[in-house]
């Protein structure tokens, strides 16, 4: 063992490492939460997937989406910081004004080429389109959507941040135990914006206080899916986590995972940023 390694080991034995950990800070504590270093339970087991199936309709069960969830296992992460809430339309507008980045937008032709044609373009998608470089009136505190993973990364870099990995996102959303929902063991539709009791579109990013995660994150599930930095396969896809305002209960668990091309711009996908503490 090197002298440096021996010194580090002695510091940990003496408890100095814990003191160093307690000194870690996020750059803006009012905006970001510190996720402590240590292990957590990631993924799902068959019991949780059975619960998800029991809360889902026939179409979701037939698609076998829950089979893509990672097997439950203990994962250890260093300390990191996560945005307390989703990046809002107002937040993203500040970025667009400061950088000249393309505002959230998608044409009908782009929408049809992209696929995932769940909602009608004229009836639903146009409500989310920006006009004159401004987000939809009255929705400034809703999550920014119609941003690709690449757009999200550009925004996070502008703040000197990055997208979280899938593991970082999941720990922040569910805590350290193996609970299926951010708030505990039982489904509760009043704690999030989902298909069961939501308004049929996005909601303010700090609306559901009763649904915050053990670490204090708003919208750990519900409102919109969230981009991560984790690649999914070799075709430019990314893992998205959470669930959206039009989703059934079974999908609204931190263990659930889905993938989309990193270039996708969708009304059901938003994001939050991460970084290492200082």
Foldseek 3Di string as FASTA:
>chain_A
DDPVVVVVVVCVVVVVVVVVQVPWDAPDVVFKFKDAWFKAKAWDDVVLLVVLVVQDDPVVVVVVQNVPFDHIDIDTDHMKMWTQWFQFQLNVLVVCVVPVPDAQDDDPVRDVVQDPPPDDCVPPVVQQHDDPSHGRPPRRQWHRFSAFLVRVQVSQVVVVWGFAALVVLLCQFQPRYDAFAQQGPDDDPLQEQAQPDHPQAADGGCPRQNRGGPRNHGCSAEAAWAWGPDADDDPQKTKTAHWYNHDTPSRHGSRRIDIGHRRGTDRRYTYITMGGTD
